[in-house]
């Protein structure tokens, strides 16, 4: 489940000088799937609204999302994906 993630990102982003930081590995299932995806699957839960996602970090870098447009956010997140998935994500981005 999502646990208290919403409460933590809300508190972090509302604290004086604070920001929410979401850190995750760029892949799952032993590197077989990307955790940075072009679209969420049917029935996927969105636990952190866009306006509360300040920073995202993977082993490939970090992206400050605050103030970015949806297209700019997508481009920034693409840079955090595992390199072996970036071409596919780039194609998905180009067709959306």
PDB file of N, CA and C in Angstrom:
ATOM      1  N   UNK A   1       0.812  -1.185   0.000  1.00  0.00           N
ATOM      2  CA  UNK A   1       0.000   0.000   0.000  1.00  0.00           C
ATOM      3  C   UNK A   1       0.859   1.253   0.000  1.00  0.00           C
ATOM      4  N   UNK A   2       0.190   2.366  -0.008  1.00  0.00           N
ATOM      5  CA  UNK A   2       0.898   3.640  -0.070  1.00  0.00           C
ATOM      6  C   UNK A   2       1.355   4.128   1.291  1.00  0.00           C
ATOM      7  N   UNK A   3       0.807   3.549   2.350  1.00  0.00           N
ATOM      8  CA  UNK A   3       1.226   3.991   3.676  1.00  0.00           C
ATOM      9  C   UNK A   3       0.945   5.469   3.854  1.00  0.00           C
ATOM     10  N   UNK A   4       1.890   6.191   4.418  1.00  0.00           N
ATOM     11  CA  UNK A   4       1.706   7.612   4.668  1.00  0.00           C
ATOM     12  C   UNK A   4       2.451   8.501   3.698  1.00  0.00           C
ATOM     13  N   UNK A   5       2.709   8.025   2.484  1.00  0.00           N
ATOM     14  CA  UNK A   5       3.511   8.808   1.543  1.00  0.00           C
ATOM     15  C   UNK A   5       2.951  10.206   1.329  1.00  0.00           C
ATOM     16  N   UNK A   6       1.660  10.328   1.118  1.00  0.00           N
ATOM     17  CA  UNK A   6       1.082  11.645   0.879  1.00  0.00           C
ATOM     18  C   UNK A   6       1.380  12.583   2.041  1.00  0.00           C
ATOM     19  N   UNK A   7       1.207  12.094   3.257  1.00  0.00           N
ATOM     20  CA  UNK A   7       1.466  12.935   4.430  1.00  0.00           C
ATOM     21  C   UNK A   7       2.918  13.386   4.487  1.00  0.00           C
ATOM     22  N   UNK A   8       3.840  12.503   4.149  1.00  0.00           N
ATOM     23  CA  UNK A   8       5.261  12.858   4.184  1.00  0.00           C
ATOM     24  C   UNK A   8       5.612  13.895   3.120  1.00  0.00           C
ATOM     25  N   UNK A   9       5.135  13.723   1.896  1.00  0.00           N
ATOM     26  CA  UNK A   9       5.476  14.698   0.855  1.00  0.00           C
ATOM     27  C   UNK A   9       4.788  16.033   1.106  1.00  0.00           C
ATOM     28  N   UNK A  10       3.581  15.998   1.632  1.00  0.00           N
ATOM     29  CA  UNK A  10       2.891  17.239   1.974  1.00  0.00           C
ATOM     30  C   UNK A  10       3.648  17.977   3.068  1.00  0.00           C
ATOM     31  N   UNK A  11       4.016  17.266   4.127  1.00  0.00           N
ATOM     32  CA  UNK A  11       4.763  17.890   5.217  1.00  0.00           C
ATOM     33  C   UNK A  11       6.099  18.438   4.760  1.00  0.00           C
ATOM     34  N   UNK A  12       6.806  17.678   3.948  1.00  0.00           N
ATOM     35  CA  UNK A  12       8.122  18.119   3.471  1.00  0.00           C
ATOM     36  C   UNK A  12       8.007  19.358   2.597  1.00  0.00           C
ATOM     37  N   UNK A  13       7.031  19.372   1.716  1.00  0.00           N
ATOM     38  CA  UNK A  13       6.913  20.508   0.803  1.00  0.00           C
ATOM     39  C   UNK A  13       6.376  21.755   1.498  1.00  0.00           C
ATOM     40  N   UNK A  14       5.672  21.590   2.601  1.00  0.00           N
ATOM     41  CA  UNK A  14       5.107  22.733   3.326  1.00  0.00           C
ATOM     42  C   UNK A  14       6.009  23.243   4.443  1.00  0.00           C
ATOM     43  N   UNK A  15       7.020  22.494   4.796  1.00  0.00           N
ATOM     44  CA  UNK A  15       7.938  22.929   5.858  1.00  0.00           C
ATOM     45  C   UNK A  15       8.748  24.127   5.367  1.00  0.00           C
ATOM     46  N   UNK A  16       9.078  25.064   6.256  1.00  0.00           N
ATOM     47  CA  UNK A  16       9.899  26.201   5.836  1.00  0.00           C
ATOM     48  C   UNK A  16      11.211  25.716   5.206  1.00  0.00           C
ATOM     49  N   UNK A  17      11.444  26.086   3.958  1.00  0.00           N
ATOM     50  CA  UNK A  17      12.647  25.656   3.252  1.00  0.00           C
ATOM     51  C   UNK A  17      12.629  24.205   2.829  1.00  0.00           C
ATOM     52  N   UNK A  18      11.503  23.533   3.015  1.00  0.00           N
ATOM     53  CA  UNK A  18      11.423  22.100   2.734  1.00  0.00           C
ATOM     54  C   UNK A  18      11.060  21.791   1.292  1.00  0.00           C
ATOM     55  N   UNK A  19      11.253  20.554   0.923  1.00  0.00           N
ATOM     56  CA  UNK A  19      10.891  20.050  -0.403  1.00  0.00           C
ATOM     57  C   UNK A  19      10.700  18.547  -0.292  1.00  0.00           C
ATOM     58  N   UNK A  20       9.774  18.023  -1.070  1.00  0.00           N
ATOM     59  CA  UNK A  20       9.608  16.570  -1.089  1.00  0.00           C
ATOM     60  C   UNK A  20      10.660  15.971  -2.012  1.00  0.00           C
ATOM     61  N   UNK A  21      11.228  14.862  -1.580  1.00  0.00           N
ATOM     62  CA  UNK A  21      12.233  14.145  -2.363  1.00  0.00           C
ATOM     63  C   UNK A  21      11.788  12.694  -2.456  1.00  0.00           C
ATOM     64  N   UNK A  22      11.552  12.244  -3.666  1.00  0.00           N
ATOM     65  CA  UNK A  22      11.156  10.857  -3.888  1.00  0.00           C
ATOM     66  C   UNK A  22      12.342  10.147  -4.525  1.00  0.00           C
ATOM     67  N   UNK A  23      12.886   9.178  -3.825  1.00  0.00           N
ATOM     68  CA  UNK A  23      14.047   8.423  -4.310  1.00  0.00           C
ATOM     69  C   UNK A  23      13.614   6.992  -4.606  1.00  0.00           C
ATOM     70  N   UNK A  24      14.028   6.489  -5.755  1.00  0.00           N
ATOM     71  CA  UNK A  24      13.670   5.134  -6.141  1.00  0.00           C
ATOM     72  C   UNK A  24      14.709   4.589  -7.105  1.00  0.00           C
ATOM     73  N   UNK A  25      14.862   3.262  -7.140  1.00  0.00           N
ATOM     74  CA  UNK A  25      15.709   2.671  -8.177  1.00  0.00           C
ATOM     75  C   UNK A  25      15.015   2.843  -9.529  1.00  0.00           C
ATOM     76  N   UNK A  26      15.786   3.032 -10.572  1.00  0.00           N
ATOM     77  CA  UNK A  26      15.199   3.280 -11.893  1.00  0.00           C
ATOM     78  C   UNK A  26      14.575   2.038 -12.509  1.00  0.00           C
ATOM     79  N   UNK A  27      14.932   0.859 -12.006  1.00  0.00           N
ATOM     80  CA  UNK A  27      14.378  -0.383 -12.552  1.00  0.00           C
ATOM     81  C   UNK A  27      13.824  -1.251 -11.437  1.00  0.00           C
ATOM     82  N   UNK A  28      13.022  -2.221 -11.836  1.00  0.00           N
ATOM     83  CA  UNK A  28      12.500  -3.220 -10.924  1.00  0.00           C
ATOM     84  C   UNK A  28      12.664  -4.597 -11.534  1.00  0.00           C
ATOM     85  N   UNK A  29      12.295  -5.607 -10.769  1.00  0.00           N
ATOM     86  CA  UNK A  29      12.367  -7.000 -11.229  1.00  0.00           C
ATOM     87  C   UNK A  29      13.750  -7.344 -11.770  1.00  0.00           C
ATOM     88  N   UNK A  30      14.770  -6.987 -10.989  1.00  0.00           N
ATOM     89  CA  UNK A  30      16.138  -7.319 -11.367  1.00  0.00           C
ATOM     90  C   UNK A  30      16.632  -6.599 -12.609  1.00  0.00           C
ATOM     91  N   UNK A  31      16.109  -5.414 -12.868  1.00  0.00           N
ATOM     92  CA  UNK A  31      16.518  -4.643 -14.037  1.00  0.00           C
ATOM     93  C   UNK A  31      15.694  -4.914 -15.277  1.00  0.00           C
ATOM     94  N   UNK A  32      14.672  -5.759 -15.156  1.00  0.00           N
ATOM     95  CA  UNK A  32      13.879  -6.150 -16.327  1.00  0.00           C
ATOM     96  C   UNK A  32      12.832  -5.117 -16.731  1.00  0.00           C
ATOM     97  N   UNK A  33      12.419  -4.259 -15.804  1.00  0.00           N
ATOM     98  CA  UNK A  33      11.397  -3.254 -16.114  1.00  0.00           C
ATOM     99  C   UNK A  33      11.838  -1.888 -15.613  1.00  0.00           C
ATOM    100  N   UNK A  34      11.407  -0.873 -16.333  1.00  0.00           N
ATOM    101  CA  UNK A  34      11.696   0.500 -15.924  1.00  0.00           C
ATOM    102  C   UNK A  34      10.653   0.958 -14.920  1.00  0.00           C
ATOM    103  N   UNK A  35      11.108   1.648 -13.891  1.00  0.00           N
ATOM    104  CA  UNK A  35      10.174   2.271 -12.957  1.00  0.00           C
ATOM    105  C   UNK A  35       9.821   3.688 -13.394  1.00  0.00           C
ATOM    106  N   UNK A  36      10.539   4.195 -14.362  1.00  0.00           N
ATOM    107  CA  UNK A  36      10.179   5.462 -15.000  1.00  0.00           C
ATOM    108  C   UNK A  36       9.385   5.063 -16.238  1.00  0.00           C
ATOM    109  N   UNK A  37       8.114   5.413 -16.270  1.00  0.00           N
ATOM    110  CA  UNK A  37       7.235   4.955 -17.344  1.00  0.00           C
ATOM    111  C   UNK A  37       6.573   6.139 -18.039  1.00  0.00           C
ATOM    112  N   UNK A  38       6.158   5.910 -19.286  1.00  0.00           N
ATOM    113  CA  UNK A  38       5.487   6.958 -20.054  1.00  0.00           C
ATOM    114  C   UNK A  38       4.062   7.186 -19.563  1.00  0.00           C
ATOM    115  N   UNK A  39       3.409   6.123 -19.172  1.00  0.00           N
ATOM    116  CA  UNK A  39       2.028   6.199 -18.696  1.00  0.00           C
ATOM    117  C   UNK A  39       1.813   5.157 -17.615  1.00  0.00           C
ATOM    118  N   UNK A  40       0.914   5.476 -16.702  1.00  0.00           N
ATOM    119  CA  UNK A  40       0.540   4.499 -15.685  1.00  0.00           C
ATOM    120  C   UNK A  40      -0.461   3.524 -16.281  1.00  0.00           C
ATOM    121  N   UNK A  41      -0.403   2.296 -15.824  1.00  0.00           N
ATOM    122  CA  UNK A  41      -1.339   1.286 -16.296  1.00  0.00           C
ATOM    123  C   UNK A  41      -2.730   1.497 -15.724  1.00  0.00           C
ATOM    124  N   UNK A  42      -3.704   0.850 -16.331  1.00  0.00           N
ATOM    125  CA  UNK A  42      -5.078   0.920 -15.840  1.00  0.00           C
ATOM    126  C   UNK A  42      -5.128   0.500 -14.380  1.00  0.00           C
ATOM    127  N   UNK A  43      -5.832   1.254 -13.586  1.00  0.00           N
ATOM    128  CA  UNK A  43      -5.995   0.932 -12.178  1.00  0.00           C
ATOM    129  C   UNK A  43      -4.845   1.350 -11.288  1.00  0.00           C
ATOM    130  N   UNK A  44      -3.812   1.960 -11.856  1.00  0.00           N
ATOM    131  CA  UNK A  44      -2.670   2.400 -11.045  1.00  0.00           C
ATOM    132  C   UNK A  44      -3.101   3.548 -10.135  1.00  0.00           C
ATOM    133  N   UNK A  45      -2.596   3.541  -8.924  1.00  0.00           N
ATOM    134  CA  UNK A  45      -2.911   4.598  -7.964  1.00  0.00           C
ATOM    135  C   UNK A  45      -1.877   5.715  -8.058  1.00  0.00           C
ATOM    136  N   UNK A  46      -2.361   6.945  -8.086  1.00  0.00           N
ATOM    137  CA  UNK A  46      -1.482   8.113  -8.023  1.00  0.00           C
ATOM    138  C   UNK A  46      -1.494   8.579  -6.574  1.00  0.00           C
ATOM    139  N   UNK A  47      -0.359   8.446  -5.907  1.00  0.00           N
ATOM    140  CA  UNK A  47      -0.305   8.766  -4.485  1.00  0.00           C
ATOM    141  C   UNK A  47       0.271  10.144  -4.198  1.00  0.00           C
ATOM    142  N   UNK A  48       1.013  10.693  -5.145  1.00  0.00           N
ATOM    143  CA  UNK A  48       1.606  12.015  -4.959  1.00  0.00           C
ATOM    144  C   UNK A  48       1.146  12.917  -6.094  1.00  0.00           C
ATOM    145  N   UNK A  49       0.346  13.938  -5.780  1.00  0.00           N
ATOM    146  CA  UNK A  49      -0.084  14.838  -6.848  1.00  0.00           C
ATOM    147  C   UNK A  49       1.093  15.616  -7.421  1.00  0.00           C
ATOM    148  N   UNK A  50       0.964  16.002  -8.658  1.00  0.00           N
ATOM    149  CA  UNK A  50       2.028  16.699  -9.379  1.00  0.00           C
ATOM    150  C   UNK A  50       2.554  17.901  -8.602  1.00  0.00           C
ATOM    151  N   UNK A  51       1.664  18.666  -7.982  1.00  0.00           N
ATOM    152  CA  UNK A  51       2.090  19.884  -7.292  1.00  0.00           C
ATOM    153  C   UNK A  51       2.916  19.617  -6.033  1.00  0.00           C
ATOM    154  N   UNK A  52       2.982  18.373  -5.580  1.00  0.00           N
ATOM    155  CA  UNK A  52       3.789  18.038  -4.401  1.00  0.00           C
ATOM    156  C   UNK A  52       5.075  17.291  -4.746  1.00  0.00           C
ATOM    157  N   UNK A  53       5.296  17.000  -6.006  1.00  0.00           N
ATOM    158  CA  UNK A  53       6.515  16.280  -6.412  1.00  0.00           C
ATOM    159  C   UNK A  53       7.600  17.306  -6.724  1.00  0.00           C
ATOM    160  N   UNK A  54       8.424  17.620  -5.730  1.00  0.00           N
ATOM    161  CA  UNK A  54       9.472  18.628  -5.903  1.00  0.00           C
ATOM    162  C   UNK A  54      10.724  18.046  -6.560  1.00  0.00           C
ATOM    163  N   UNK A  55      11.222  16.949  -6.031  1.00  0.00           N
ATOM    164  CA  UNK A  55      12.447  16.304  -6.529  1.00  0.00           C
ATOM    165  C   UNK A  55      12.205  14.815  -6.708  1.00  0.00           C
ATOM    166  N   UNK A  56      12.803  14.236  -7.749  1.00  0.00           N
ATOM    167  CA  UNK A  56      12.844  12.785  -7.930  1.00  0.00           C
ATOM    168  C   UNK A  56      14.301  12.415  -8.156  1.00  0.00           C
ATOM    169  N   UNK A  57      14.725  11.330  -7.506  1.00  0.00           N
ATOM    170  CA  UNK A  57      16.121  10.894  -7.560  1.00  0.00           C
ATOM    171  C   UNK A  57      16.174   9.408  -7.892  1.00  0.00           C
ATOM    172  N   UNK A  58      17.038   9.035  -8.843  1.00  0.00           N
ATOM    173  CA  UNK A  58      17.388   7.633  -9.078  1.00  0.00           C
ATOM    174  C   UNK A  58      18.908   7.542  -9.086  1.00  0.00           C
ATOM    175  N   UNK A  59      19.423   6.359  -9.308  1.00  0.00           N
ATOM    176  CA  UNK A  59      20.876   6.191  -9.379  1.00  0.00           C
ATOM    177  C   UNK A  59      21.474   6.894 -10.598  1.00  0.00           C
ATOM    178  N   UNK A  60      20.618   7.403 -11.484  1.00  0.00           N
ATOM    179  CA  UNK A  60      21.097   8.085 -12.691  1.00  0.00           C
ATOM    180  C   UNK A  60      21.045   9.604 -12.577  1.00  0.00           C
ATOM    181  N   UNK A  61      20.653  10.095 -11.418  1.00  0.00           N
ATOM    182  CA  UNK A  61      20.649  11.539 -11.228  1.00  0.00           C
ATOM    183  C   UNK A  61      19.438  12.014 -10.462  1.00  0.00           C
ATOM    184  N   UNK A  62      19.257  13.333 -10.503  1.00  0.00           N
ATOM    185  CA  UNK A  62      18.123  13.932  -9.816  1.00  0.00           C
ATOM    186  C   UNK A  62      17.461  14.939 -10.743  1.00  0.00           C
ATOM    187  N   UNK A  63      16.171  15.179 -10.496  1.00  0.00           N
ATOM    188  CA  UNK A  63      15.423  16.150 -11.289  1.00  0.00           C
ATOM    189  C   UNK A  63      14.578  16.993 -10.354  1.00  0.00           C
ATOM    190  N   UNK A  64      14.734  18.299 -10.450  1.00  0.00           N
ATOM    191  CA  UNK A  64      13.861  19.209  -9.708  1.00  0.00           C
ATOM    192  C   UNK A  64      12.667  19.500 -10.605  1.00  0.00           C
ATOM    193  N   UNK A  65      11.491  19.100 -10.155  1.00  0.00           N
ATOM    194  CA  UNK A  65      10.289  19.208 -10.968  1.00  0.00           C
ATOM    195  C   UNK A  65       9.479  20.462 -10.675  1.00  0.00           C
ATOM    196  N   UNK A  66       9.758  21.103  -9.569  1.00  0.00           N
ATOM    197  CA  UNK A  66       9.013  22.292  -9.171  1.00  0.00           C
ATOM    198  C   UNK A  66       9.029  23.337 -10.282  1.00  0.00           C
ATOM    199  N   UNK A  67       7.843  23.802 -10.663  1.00  0.00           N
ATOM    200  CA  UNK A  67       7.733  24.866 -11.649  1.00  0.00           C
ATOM    201  C   UNK A  67       7.831  24.435 -13.096  1.00  0.00           C
ATOM    202  N   UNK A  68       8.051  23.147 -13.350  1.00  0.00           N
ATOM    203  CA  UNK A  68       8.169  22.676 -14.731  1.00  0.00           C
ATOM    204  C   UNK A  68       6.794  22.361 -15.314  1.00  0.00           C
ATOM    205  N   UNK A  69       6.666  22.531 -16.617  1.00  0.00           N
ATOM    206  CA  UNK A  69       5.447  22.126 -17.316  1.00  0.00           C
ATOM    207  C   UNK A  69       5.394  20.597 -17.367  1.00  0.00           C
ATOM    208  N   UNK A  70       4.267  20.064 -17.777  1.00  0.00           N
ATOM    209  CA  UNK A  70       4.140  18.608 -17.897  1.00  0.00           C
ATOM    210  C   UNK A  70       5.180  18.066 -18.876  1.00  0.00           C
ATOM    211  N   UNK A  71       5.363  18.733 -20.007  1.00  0.00           N
ATOM    212  CA  UNK A  71       6.352  18.278 -20.997  1.00  0.00           C
ATOM    213  C   UNK A  71       7.768  18.355 -20.430  1.00  0.00           C
ATOM    214  N   UNK A  72       8.073  19.415 -19.704  1.00  0.00           N
ATOM    215  CA  UNK A  72       9.404  19.554 -19.101  1.00  0.00           C
ATOM    216  C   UNK A  72       9.637  18.497 -18.027  1.00  0.00           C
ATOM    217  N   UNK A  73       8.606  18.177 -17.272  1.00  0.00           N
ATOM    218  CA  UNK A  73       8.707  17.123 -16.252  1.00  0.00           C
ATOM    219  C   UNK A  73       8.993  15.779 -16.905  1.00  0.00           C
ATOM    220  N   UNK A  74       8.281  15.494 -17.985  1.00  0.00           N
ATOM    221  CA  UNK A  74       8.490  14.227 -18.693  1.00  0.00           C
ATOM    222  C   UNK A  74       9.929  14.117 -19.169  1.00  0.00           C
ATOM    223  N   UNK A  75      10.452  15.182 -19.730  1.00  0.00           N
ATOM    224  CA  UNK A  75      11.833  15.190 -20.227  1.00  0.00           C
ATOM    225  C   UNK A  75      12.812  14.998 -19.064  1.00  0.00           C
ATOM    226  N   UNK A  76      12.569  15.667 -17.948  1.00  0.00           N
ATOM    227  CA  UNK A  76      13.454  15.541 -16.787  1.00  0.00           C
ATOM    228  C   UNK A  76      13.433  14.118 -16.234  1.00  0.00           C
ATOM    229  N   UNK A  77      12.259  13.520 -16.155  1.00  0.00           N
ATOM    230  CA  UNK A  77      12.150  12.154 -15.642  1.00  0.00           C
ATOM    231  C   UNK A  77      12.795  11.150 -16.587  1.00  0.00           C
ATOM    232  N   UNK A  78      12.706  11.393 -17.884  1.00  0.00           N
ATOM    233  CA  UNK A  78      13.344  10.511 -18.859  1.00  0.00           C
ATOM    234  C   UNK A  78      14.841  10.411 -18.572  1.00  0.00           C
ATOM    235  N   UNK A  79      15.449  11.505 -18.160  1.00  0.00           N
ATOM    236  CA  UNK A  79      16.873  11.506 -17.843  1.00  0.00           C
ATOM    237  C   UNK A  79      17.232  10.696 -16.613  1.00  0.00           C
ATOM    238  N   UNK A  80      16.236  10.319 -15.820  1.00  0.00           N
ATOM    239  CA  UNK A  80      16.476   9.512 -14.617  1.00  0.00           C
ATOM    240  C   UNK A  80      16.300   8.023 -14.877  1.00  0.00           C
ATOM    241  N   UNK A  81      15.782   7.686 -16.044  1.00  0.00           N
ATOM    242  CA  UNK A  81      15.543   6.278 -16.384  1.00  0.00           C
ATOM    243  C   UNK A  81      16.856   5.560 -16.662  1.00  0.00           C
ATOM    244  N   UNK A  82      16.827   4.252 -16.497  1.00  0.00           N
ATOM    245  CA  UNK A  82      17.977   3.432 -16.871  1.00  0.00           C
ATOM    246  C   UNK A  82      18.236   3.633 -18.364  1.00  0.00           C
ATOM    247  N   UNK A  83      19.487   3.816 -18.763  1.00  0.00           N
ATOM    248  CA  UNK A  83      19.793   4.073 -20.176  1.00  0.00           C
ATOM    249  C   UNK A  83      19.206   3.050 -21.150  1.00  0.00           C
ATOM    250  N   UNK A  84      19.074   1.795 -20.739  1.00  0.00           N
ATOM    251  CA  UNK A  84      18.558   0.796 -21.683  1.00  0.00           C
ATOM    252  C   UNK A  84      17.075   0.991 -21.994  1.00  0.00           C
ATOM    253  N   UNK A  85      16.372   1.814 -21.213  1.00  0.00           N
ATOM    254  CA  UNK A  85      14.953   2.070 -21.459  1.00  0.00           C
ATOM    255  C   UNK A  85      14.692   3.449 -22.057  1.00  0.00           C
ATOM    256  N   UNK A  86      15.706   4.274 -22.170  1.00  0.00           N
ATOM    257  CA  UNK A  86      15.492   5.668 -22.585  1.00  0.00           C
ATOM    258  C   UNK A  86      14.989   5.812 -24.011  1.00  0.00           C
ATOM    259  N   UNK A  87      15.491   5.013 -24.945  1.00  0.00           N
ATOM    260  CA  UNK A  87      15.021   5.133 -26.335  1.00  0.00           C
ATOM    261  C   UNK A  87      13.527   4.853 -26.436  1.00  0.00           C
ATOM    262  N   UNK A  88      13.084   3.800 -25.767  1.00  0.00           N
ATOM    263  CA  UNK A  88      11.662   3.454 -25.781  1.00  0.00           C
ATOM    264  C   UNK A  88      10.833   4.567 -25.144  1.00  0.00           C
ATOM    265  N   UNK A  89      11.303   5.106 -24.036  1.00  0.00           N
ATOM    266  CA  UNK A  89      10.591   6.195 -23.376  1.00  0.00           C
ATOM    267  C   UNK A  89      10.581   7.447 -24.251  1.00  0.00           C
ATOM    268  N   UNK A  90      11.674   7.702 -24.919  1.00  0.00           N
ATOM    269  CA  UNK A  90      11.761   8.848 -25.835  1.00  0.00           C
ATOM    270  C   UNK A  90      10.730   8.716 -26.953  1.00  0.00           C
ATOM    271  N   UNK A  91      10.586   7.524 -27.505  1.00  0.00           N
ATOM    272  CA  UNK A  91       9.585   7.301 -28.558  1.00  0.00           C
ATOM    273  C   UNK A  91       8.174   7.530 -28.015  1.00  0.00           C
ATOM    274  N   UNK A  92       7.916   7.048 -26.813  1.00  0.00           N
ATOM    275  CA  UNK A  92       6.599   7.257 -26.203  1.00  0.00           C
ATOM    276  C   UNK A  92       6.333   8.737 -25.981  1.00  0.00           C
ATOM    277  N   UNK A  93       7.350   9.455 -25.578  1.00  0.00           N
ATOM    278  CA  UNK A  93       7.222  10.891 -25.346  1.00  0.00           C
ATOM    279  C   UNK A  93       6.922  11.620 -26.654  1.00  0.00           C
ATOM    280  N   UNK A  94       7.560  11.193 -27.723  1.00  0.00           N
ATOM    281  CA  UNK A  94       7.377  11.840 -29.022  1.00  0.00           C
ATOM    282  C   UNK A  94       5.979  11.621 -29.590  1.00  0.00           C
ATOM    283  N   UNK A  95       5.328  10.528 -29.211  1.00  0.00           N
ATOM    284  CA  UNK A  95       4.003  10.219 -29.762  1.00  0.00           C
ATOM    285  C   UNK A  95       2.865  10.662 -28.857  1.00  0.00           C
ATOM    286  N   UNK A  96       3.187  11.273 -27.717  1.00  0.00           N
ATOM    287  CA  UNK A  96       2.095  11.681 -26.816  1.00  0.00           C
ATOM    288  C   UNK A  96       1.779  13.144 -26.944  1.00  0.00           C
TER     289      UNK A  96
END
